[in-house]
Protein backbone atom coordinates (compact mmCIF):
# COMPACT_ATOMS: atom_id res chain seq x y z
CA MET A 1 85.91 91.06 104.79
CA THR A 2 85.91 93.04 101.56
CA ASN A 3 88.39 95.90 100.95
CA VAL A 4 85.60 98.45 101.28
CA SER A 5 84.35 96.99 104.53
CA SER A 6 87.85 96.86 105.92
CA PHE A 7 88.31 100.52 105.03
CA ILE A 8 85.05 101.49 106.70
CA PHE A 9 85.98 99.46 109.82
CA ALA A 10 89.30 101.36 110.10
CA TRP A 11 87.73 104.77 109.42
CA ASN A 12 86.97 105.82 113.00
CA GLU A 13 90.52 105.07 114.18
CA LEU A 14 92.01 106.86 111.12
CA ASN A 15 89.78 109.87 111.88
CA ARG A 16 91.06 109.99 115.46
CA VAL A 17 94.67 109.95 114.48
CA ALA A 18 94.09 112.26 111.58
CA ALA A 19 92.32 114.86 113.77
CA GLY A 20 95.53 115.51 115.84
CA LEU A 21 97.64 115.79 112.68
CA LEU A 22 95.03 118.06 111.12
CA GLY A 23 95.30 120.41 114.05
CA THR A 24 99.06 120.83 113.80
CA GLY A 25 98.77 121.02 110.01
CA GLN A 26 96.31 123.79 110.24
CA ARG A 27 98.74 125.83 112.35
CA LEU A 28 100.96 125.72 109.36
CA ALA A 29 98.26 126.98 107.06
CA LYS A 30 97.44 129.70 109.58
CA ASP A 31 101.02 130.85 110.13
CA LEU A 32 102.10 130.60 106.44
CA ASN A 33 99.56 132.48 104.34
CA GLY A 34 99.70 133.06 100.56
CA LYS A 35 101.29 136.56 100.78
CA HIS A 36 104.13 135.07 102.77
CA CYS A 37 104.71 132.41 100.05
CA VAL A 38 104.92 135.18 97.41
CA LEU A 39 107.87 136.73 99.30
CA LEU A 40 109.56 133.35 99.77
CA MET A 41 108.98 131.45 96.51
CA GLY A 42 111.58 133.46 94.57
CA ALA A 43 114.42 132.18 96.62
CA ALA A 44 116.22 128.96 95.73
CA THR A 45 119.35 128.71 97.86
CA PRO A 46 119.91 126.23 100.63
CA GLY A 47 119.45 128.93 103.26
CA SER A 48 116.41 130.43 101.67
CA LEU A 49 113.87 128.38 103.71
CA ASP A 50 115.36 129.01 107.16
CA GLU A 51 112.39 131.21 108.01
CA LEU A 52 110.14 128.24 107.61
CA SER A 53 112.14 125.85 109.87
CA TYR A 54 110.18 126.56 113.03
CA LEU A 55 106.90 125.74 111.24
CA ALA A 56 108.37 122.54 109.69
CA ASP A 57 109.74 121.40 113.09
CA SER A 58 106.52 122.15 114.85
CA ILE A 59 104.72 119.37 112.88
CA HIS A 60 107.85 117.23 112.33
CA LEU A 61 107.57 117.40 108.52
CA ALA A 62 110.81 115.55 107.88
CA ASP A 63 109.89 112.78 110.37
CA HIS A 64 106.62 111.65 108.69
CA PRO A 65 107.98 109.55 105.83
CA CYS A 66 110.85 108.03 107.82
CA PRO A 67 110.41 104.65 109.59
CA SER A 68 110.53 104.57 113.34
CA ASN A 69 113.80 102.53 113.41
CA SER A 70 115.48 105.49 111.66
CA GLU A 71 114.35 108.09 114.29
CA GLY A 72 111.23 108.93 112.21
CA LEU A 73 107.58 108.99 113.31
CA GLY A 74 106.80 105.87 111.21
CA LEU A 75 103.26 107.02 110.56
CA GLY A 76 101.02 105.54 107.84
CA LEU A 77 100.00 107.00 104.46
CA VAL A 78 96.68 108.22 105.77
CA GLU A 79 98.43 110.38 108.28
CA LEU A 80 100.85 111.55 105.55
CA ALA A 81 98.00 112.49 103.33
CA VAL A 82 96.46 114.65 106.03
CA VAL A 83 99.79 116.59 106.51
CA ALA A 84 100.32 116.86 102.76
CA GLU A 85 96.89 118.28 102.32
CA GLU A 86 97.66 121.06 104.88
CA THR A 87 101.00 121.83 103.43
CA SER A 88 99.38 122.46 100.10
CA ARG A 89 96.58 124.45 101.55
CA ALA A 90 99.33 126.77 102.82
CA SER A 91 101.20 126.69 99.49
CA LEU A 92 104.34 125.61 101.43
CA PRO A 93 107.41 126.34 99.24
CA GLY A 94 109.56 123.69 101.02
CA PRO A 95 110.91 120.39 99.78
CA PHE A 96 108.21 118.24 101.55
CA LEU A 97 107.26 116.21 98.42
CA PRO A 98 110.79 115.18 97.32
CA THR A 99 111.58 114.31 100.92
CA VAL A 100 108.58 111.94 101.09
CA TRP A 101 109.53 110.47 97.81
CA ALA A 102 113.24 110.04 98.60
CA ALA A 103 112.68 108.79 102.29
CA THR A 104 110.20 106.19 101.08
CA LEU A 105 112.51 105.04 98.40
CA LEU A 106 115.45 104.79 100.84
CA SER A 107 113.33 102.87 103.43
CA ARG A 108 112.28 100.21 100.82
CA LEU A 109 115.74 99.61 99.19
CA GLY A 110 116.43 96.80 101.66
CA ASN A 111 120.08 97.84 102.39
CA PRO A 112 120.10 99.33 105.93
CA ALA A 113 123.88 99.56 106.16
CA LEU A 114 123.86 102.05 103.25
CA THR A 115 120.52 103.75 103.65
CA SER A 116 120.17 104.20 107.37
CA PRO A 117 122.63 107.07 107.64
CA TYR A 118 120.56 109.05 105.06
CA LEU A 119 117.20 108.19 106.74
CA ASN A 120 118.52 109.21 110.21
CA SER A 121 119.72 112.54 108.93
CA ILE A 122 116.39 113.21 107.10
CA ALA A 123 114.43 112.43 110.29
CA GLU A 124 116.69 114.75 112.32
CA GLY A 125 116.13 117.54 109.81
CA LYS A 126 119.86 117.70 108.92
CA PHE A 127 119.52 116.44 105.35
CA LYS A 128 117.39 117.20 102.27
CA VAL A 129 117.20 114.47 99.62
CA THR A 130 115.52 114.37 96.24
CA VAL A 131 115.13 111.92 93.43
CA ALA A 132 116.29 112.33 89.76
CA LEU A 133 114.10 109.98 87.56
CA LEU A 134 112.98 111.91 84.47
CA GLU A 135 115.16 112.38 81.40
CA PRO A 136 114.59 114.47 78.31
CA GLU A 137 113.07 111.63 76.30
CA THR A 138 111.41 109.48 79.10
CA GLY A 139 108.33 109.53 81.20
CA TRP A 140 107.45 108.49 84.75
CA ASN A 141 107.95 104.73 84.18
CA PRO A 142 111.39 103.83 85.63
CA GLU A 143 111.71 101.11 82.96
CA ASP A 144 112.21 104.04 80.42
CA VAL A 145 115.49 105.24 82.19
CA GLN A 146 118.38 105.36 79.76
CA LEU A 147 121.12 106.99 81.85
CA HIS A 148 123.82 104.40 82.42
CA LEU A 149 126.29 103.73 85.20
CA GLU A 150 129.41 103.04 83.12
CA LYS A 151 132.70 101.42 84.10
CA THR A 152 135.74 103.23 82.70
CA ASN A 153 139.34 102.24 83.59
CA GLY A 154 138.08 100.28 86.54
CA ALA A 155 135.87 103.11 87.97
CA TRP A 156 132.15 103.67 87.79
CA GLN A 157 131.07 106.96 86.06
CA LEU A 158 127.86 108.71 85.44
CA ILE A 159 127.35 110.66 82.26
CA GLY A 160 124.04 112.20 81.21
CA ARG A 161 121.20 114.52 82.25
CA LYS A 162 118.07 114.38 84.43
CA THR A 163 115.20 116.79 84.03
CA PHE A 164 112.46 118.26 86.27
CA VAL A 165 114.26 117.22 89.44
CA LEU A 166 112.41 118.67 92.48
CA ASP A 167 114.38 121.07 94.71
CA ALA A 168 117.77 119.85 93.46
CA GLU A 169 119.51 123.14 94.29
CA ILE A 170 118.76 122.77 98.06
CA ALA A 171 119.07 118.99 98.29
CA ASP A 172 122.16 117.61 100.10
CA VAL A 173 121.98 114.30 98.20
CA ILE A 174 120.31 113.41 94.93
CA LEU A 175 119.16 109.89 94.26
CA PHE A 176 119.83 109.12 90.64
CA VAL A 177 117.74 106.38 89.02
CA VAL A 178 120.13 104.81 86.40
CA ARG A 179 120.90 101.59 84.67
CA GLN A 180 123.79 99.30 85.63
CA GLY A 181 123.90 96.95 82.61
CA GLN A 182 120.25 96.05 81.95
CA ASP A 183 119.20 96.49 85.61
CA LEU A 184 117.84 99.59 87.28
CA ALA A 185 119.97 101.01 90.07
CA VAL A 186 119.66 103.81 92.63
CA VAL A 187 122.85 105.82 93.13
CA ALA A 188 123.28 108.57 95.86
CA VAL A 189 125.31 111.54 94.58
CA PRO A 190 125.99 114.52 96.89
CA ARG A 191 125.12 117.92 95.47
CA GLY A 192 128.22 119.75 94.42
CA THR A 193 130.09 116.62 93.37
CA PRO A 194 132.67 117.54 90.67
CA GLY A 195 131.15 117.15 87.25
CA MET A 196 127.56 117.85 88.42
CA THR A 197 125.74 120.97 87.02
CA ILE A 198 122.38 122.12 88.32
CA LYS A 199 120.32 124.57 86.31
CA ALA A 200 116.93 126.02 87.28
CA THR A 201 114.04 125.17 84.96
CA PRO A 202 111.21 127.86 84.51
CA ALA A 203 108.15 126.45 86.13
CA LEU A 204 104.46 127.54 86.39
CA ASP A 205 104.41 127.04 90.17
CA ALA A 206 107.15 129.27 91.59
CA THR A 207 106.68 127.71 95.07
CA ARG A 208 107.92 124.32 93.64
CA LYS A 209 111.37 124.48 92.14
CA LEU A 210 112.34 122.30 89.23
CA TYR A 211 115.96 121.78 87.91
CA ASP A 212 117.96 120.11 85.20
CA VAL A 213 120.81 118.07 86.63
CA ALA A 214 123.66 117.19 84.22
CA VAL A 215 126.44 114.84 85.22
CA GLN A 216 129.73 114.51 83.35
CA ASP A 217 132.33 111.97 84.33
CA VAL A 218 130.99 111.86 87.92
CA LEU A 219 132.88 109.25 89.81
CA ILE A 220 130.79 106.70 91.77
CA THR A 221 132.08 104.43 94.60
CA GLY A 222 130.47 101.14 95.50
CA ALA A 223 128.98 102.63 98.69
CA GLN A 224 127.04 105.13 96.57
CA VAL A 225 125.21 102.28 94.74
CA LEU A 226 122.35 101.71 97.15
CA ALA A 227 120.46 98.96 95.23
CA VAL A 228 120.49 97.15 91.87
CA GLY A 229 117.96 95.08 90.00
CA GLY A 230 114.77 93.78 91.73
CA PRO A 231 115.21 95.62 95.06
CA ALA A 232 115.66 98.89 93.21
CA SER A 233 112.74 98.27 90.84
CA SER A 234 110.36 97.24 93.68
CA ALA A 235 111.40 100.27 95.77
CA LEU A 236 111.01 102.67 93.00
CA GLU A 237 107.43 101.43 92.23
CA HIS A 238 106.30 101.68 95.90
CA ALA A 239 107.91 105.08 96.46
CA ALA A 240 106.25 106.41 93.31
CA GLN A 241 102.85 105.17 94.56
CA VAL A 242 103.41 106.89 97.92
CA ALA A 243 104.57 110.09 96.30
CA THR A 244 101.50 109.96 93.98
CA VAL A 245 99.24 109.75 97.14
CA ALA A 246 101.02 112.79 98.52
CA VAL A 247 100.52 114.73 95.29
CA CYS A 248 96.82 113.77 95.30
CA ALA A 249 96.50 115.07 98.91
CA GLU A 250 98.29 118.27 97.92
CA THR A 251 95.73 118.64 95.10
CA VAL A 252 92.97 118.22 97.66
CA GLY A 253 94.50 120.84 99.96
CA ALA A 254 94.55 123.39 97.11
CA MET A 255 91.00 122.46 96.10
CA GLN A 256 89.78 122.95 99.71
CA TRP A 257 91.42 126.41 99.98
CA VAL A 258 89.86 127.50 96.60
CA LEU A 259 86.43 126.12 97.66
CA GLU A 260 86.49 128.00 101.06
CA ALA A 261 87.74 131.23 99.46
CA THR A 262 85.20 131.08 96.72
CA VAL A 263 82.28 130.45 99.02
CA GLU A 264 83.32 133.28 101.30
CA TYR A 265 83.79 135.60 98.32
CA ALA A 266 80.27 134.68 97.05
CA LYS A 267 78.82 135.56 100.44
CA THR A 268 80.37 139.04 100.51
CA ARG A 269 80.63 140.27 96.78
CA GLN A 270 77.62 142.46 96.00
CA GLN A 271 76.07 142.82 92.60
CA PHE A 272 72.66 144.14 91.63
CA GLY A 273 72.10 144.95 95.30
CA GLN A 274 72.65 141.48 96.62
CA ALA A 275 75.43 138.93 97.31
CA ILE A 276 76.38 136.96 94.23
CA GLY A 277 76.03 133.79 96.27
CA SER A 278 72.21 134.29 96.03
CA PHE A 279 72.28 133.63 92.27
CA GLN A 280 71.61 130.09 91.26
CA ALA A 281 74.34 129.95 88.69
CA VAL A 282 76.93 130.76 91.32
CA GLN A 283 75.45 128.27 93.77
CA HIS A 284 75.69 125.48 91.22
CA GLN A 285 79.37 126.14 90.70
CA CYS A 286 80.03 126.20 94.48
CA ALA A 287 78.07 123.01 94.92
CA ASP A 288 80.09 121.31 92.07
CA MET A 289 83.28 122.49 93.86
CA LEU A 290 82.26 120.94 97.13
CA LEU A 291 81.28 117.60 95.47
CA HIS A 292 84.55 117.43 93.61
CA THR A 293 86.66 118.30 96.59
CA GLU A 294 85.06 115.78 98.92
CA SER A 295 85.16 113.02 96.25
CA ALA A 296 88.76 113.74 95.63
CA ARG A 297 89.51 113.63 99.31
CA ALA A 298 87.69 110.26 99.70
CA ALA A 299 89.62 108.78 96.73
CA THR A 300 92.97 109.86 98.04
CA LEU A 301 92.38 108.54 101.58
CA TYR A 302 91.18 105.28 100.27
CA ALA A 303 94.30 105.02 98.09
CA ALA A 304 96.40 105.86 101.12
CA TRP A 305 94.68 103.19 103.27
CA ALA A 306 94.88 100.63 100.51
CA LEU A 307 98.62 101.07 100.11
CA THR A 308 99.21 100.84 103.91
CA ALA A 309 96.86 97.76 104.23
CA GLY A 310 98.40 95.99 101.19
CA ALA A 311 95.07 95.75 99.55
CA PRO A 312 95.05 93.88 96.19
CA ASP A 313 93.55 96.91 94.47
CA ALA A 314 96.08 99.38 95.88
CA SER A 315 97.79 100.21 92.69
CA THR A 316 94.55 100.72 90.85
CA ALA A 317 93.23 102.81 93.75
CA VAL A 318 96.21 105.07 93.50
CA SER A 319 95.62 105.56 89.78
CA VAL A 320 91.93 106.25 90.27
CA ALA A 321 92.73 108.92 92.87
CA LYS A 322 95.41 110.58 90.71
CA ALA A 323 93.18 110.66 87.51
CA PHE A 324 90.25 112.07 89.52
CA CYS A 325 92.28 114.63 91.38
CA SER A 326 93.97 115.75 88.20
CA ASP A 327 90.70 116.34 86.38
CA LYS A 328 88.57 117.74 89.22
CA GLY A 329 91.40 119.89 90.67
CA ARG A 330 91.50 121.82 87.45
CA GLN A 331 87.74 122.14 87.37
CA VAL A 332 87.50 123.34 90.99
CA CYS A 333 90.10 126.09 90.22
CA ASN A 334 88.26 127.11 86.97
CA HIS A 335 85.07 127.51 88.96
CA GLY A 336 86.90 129.50 91.58
CA VAL A 337 88.21 131.90 88.99
CA GLN A 338 84.84 132.18 87.38
CA VAL A 339 83.06 133.11 90.68
CA HIS A 340 85.86 135.57 91.67
CA GLY A 341 85.76 137.33 88.31
CA GLY A 342 88.60 139.55 87.20
CA ILE A 343 90.43 139.46 90.64
CA GLY A 344 90.52 135.70 90.39
CA PHE A 345 93.43 135.63 88.00
CA SER A 346 95.37 138.69 89.40
CA TRP A 347 98.65 138.48 91.15
CA GLU A 348 97.13 140.41 94.12
CA HIS A 349 94.81 137.44 94.99
CA ASP A 350 96.15 134.21 96.38
CA LEU A 351 94.03 132.00 94.20
CA HIS A 352 96.71 131.91 91.44
CA LEU A 353 99.06 130.18 93.94
CA HIS A 354 96.72 127.21 94.43
CA PHE A 355 95.70 127.03 90.75
CA LYS A 356 99.42 126.78 89.76
CA ARG A 357 100.05 124.24 92.45
CA VAL A 358 97.15 122.09 91.09
CA THR A 359 98.45 122.47 87.52
CA ILE A 360 101.88 121.13 88.46
CA CYS A 361 100.43 118.36 90.61
CA GLU A 362 98.45 117.30 87.56
CA PHE A 363 101.75 116.70 85.78
CA LEU A 364 103.74 115.04 88.61
CA PHE A 365 103.86 111.24 88.60
CA GLY A 366 101.60 111.06 85.53
CA ASN A 367 98.52 112.99 84.33
CA ALA A 368 94.93 111.70 84.24
CA SER A 369 95.46 109.95 80.84
CA HIS A 370 98.60 108.19 82.10
CA HIS A 371 96.72 106.74 84.99
CA ARG A 372 93.62 105.93 83.14
CA GLU A 373 95.83 103.81 80.81
CA LYS A 374 97.24 102.08 83.94
CA ILE A 375 93.68 101.32 85.12
CA ALA A 376 92.75 99.90 81.72
CA ARG A 377 95.82 97.69 81.61
CA ALA A 378 95.01 96.35 85.19
CA ILE A 379 91.50 95.60 84.13
CA LEU A 380 92.58 93.85 80.85
CA ASP A 381 95.43 91.94 82.53
CA GLY A 382 93.07 90.57 85.21
CA PRO A 383 93.43 90.06 88.96
CA ALA A 384 96.45 87.80 88.61
CA LYS A 385 98.49 90.67 87.32
CA GLU A 386 97.10 93.47 89.47
């Protein structure tokens, strides 16, 4: 059976499971509207999101990325994509994405004695964890990491800086991607460790906090080094793919909100004595928005299924989804602003929240050009290296 046939065969069951998750996810979108986000997004302290805890608990947000043997739900990536879409549709200003990234990374490191306590705490909602990968002169490829775990006077130390760390200020633990010798390593460092400095980075999307994290002579024990070498590299690659699917789903959620808001506006906004939705030029833009949104959703769900099923084209499917969502998400938001006119880019309207979320999602885990290059390399390298 081909990959596409297998995907179609599984579609009915996936729809059944997704429908239940969609219902609970839509409760989040209903309870947390854009105006509520505007009030919350300026806060950046560990207690600033307490008001959202009942919403997160109602759909077990922290449980989704955690395996069942760590008290999590252990759901697949298709279910995760459904939830991620709804969180973005609500412009959720919480640490959902870094939790997905970090929990997936921890679950794949292959060292249960060290990682299980973190995963259990995440699933119980007691812990927030994020990943520090990017550096001032590096991109999303872990192989570019330069920050070294150095041994001085018999003790391991971290000295350096990580940039664009998601929700670092409210994370209890930060997973640093570093080098130990020539090998990649993952090191868990509690926030507030002596020698660690966290500084907010101005960002376009105020609902998604970014930080610079500097470490100076931070002492590291053996128990904090969660994995080194092959296990670390493999886990980082898989976790990045899962997080990329989540970002694609978030983009789709924002696209869906913009589509619905734009169509509704076109039905009610009067010009020249009739609704602007009766004009063909407006109809064409709305039709394009629908086509782009549904296509982006299909690409995202296929990528999620391919990763879950271990399909040979899974890596390429993720890159296809990310490249498409990055390009079409921007186009859908542009059309939305055009149809809304002047109010479309004003602070009083919620459209800007979703446009900014889409713009940041375009950057996270590589933009369209980055993933098109990965697709090209996969094609040129051939099936043996896919």
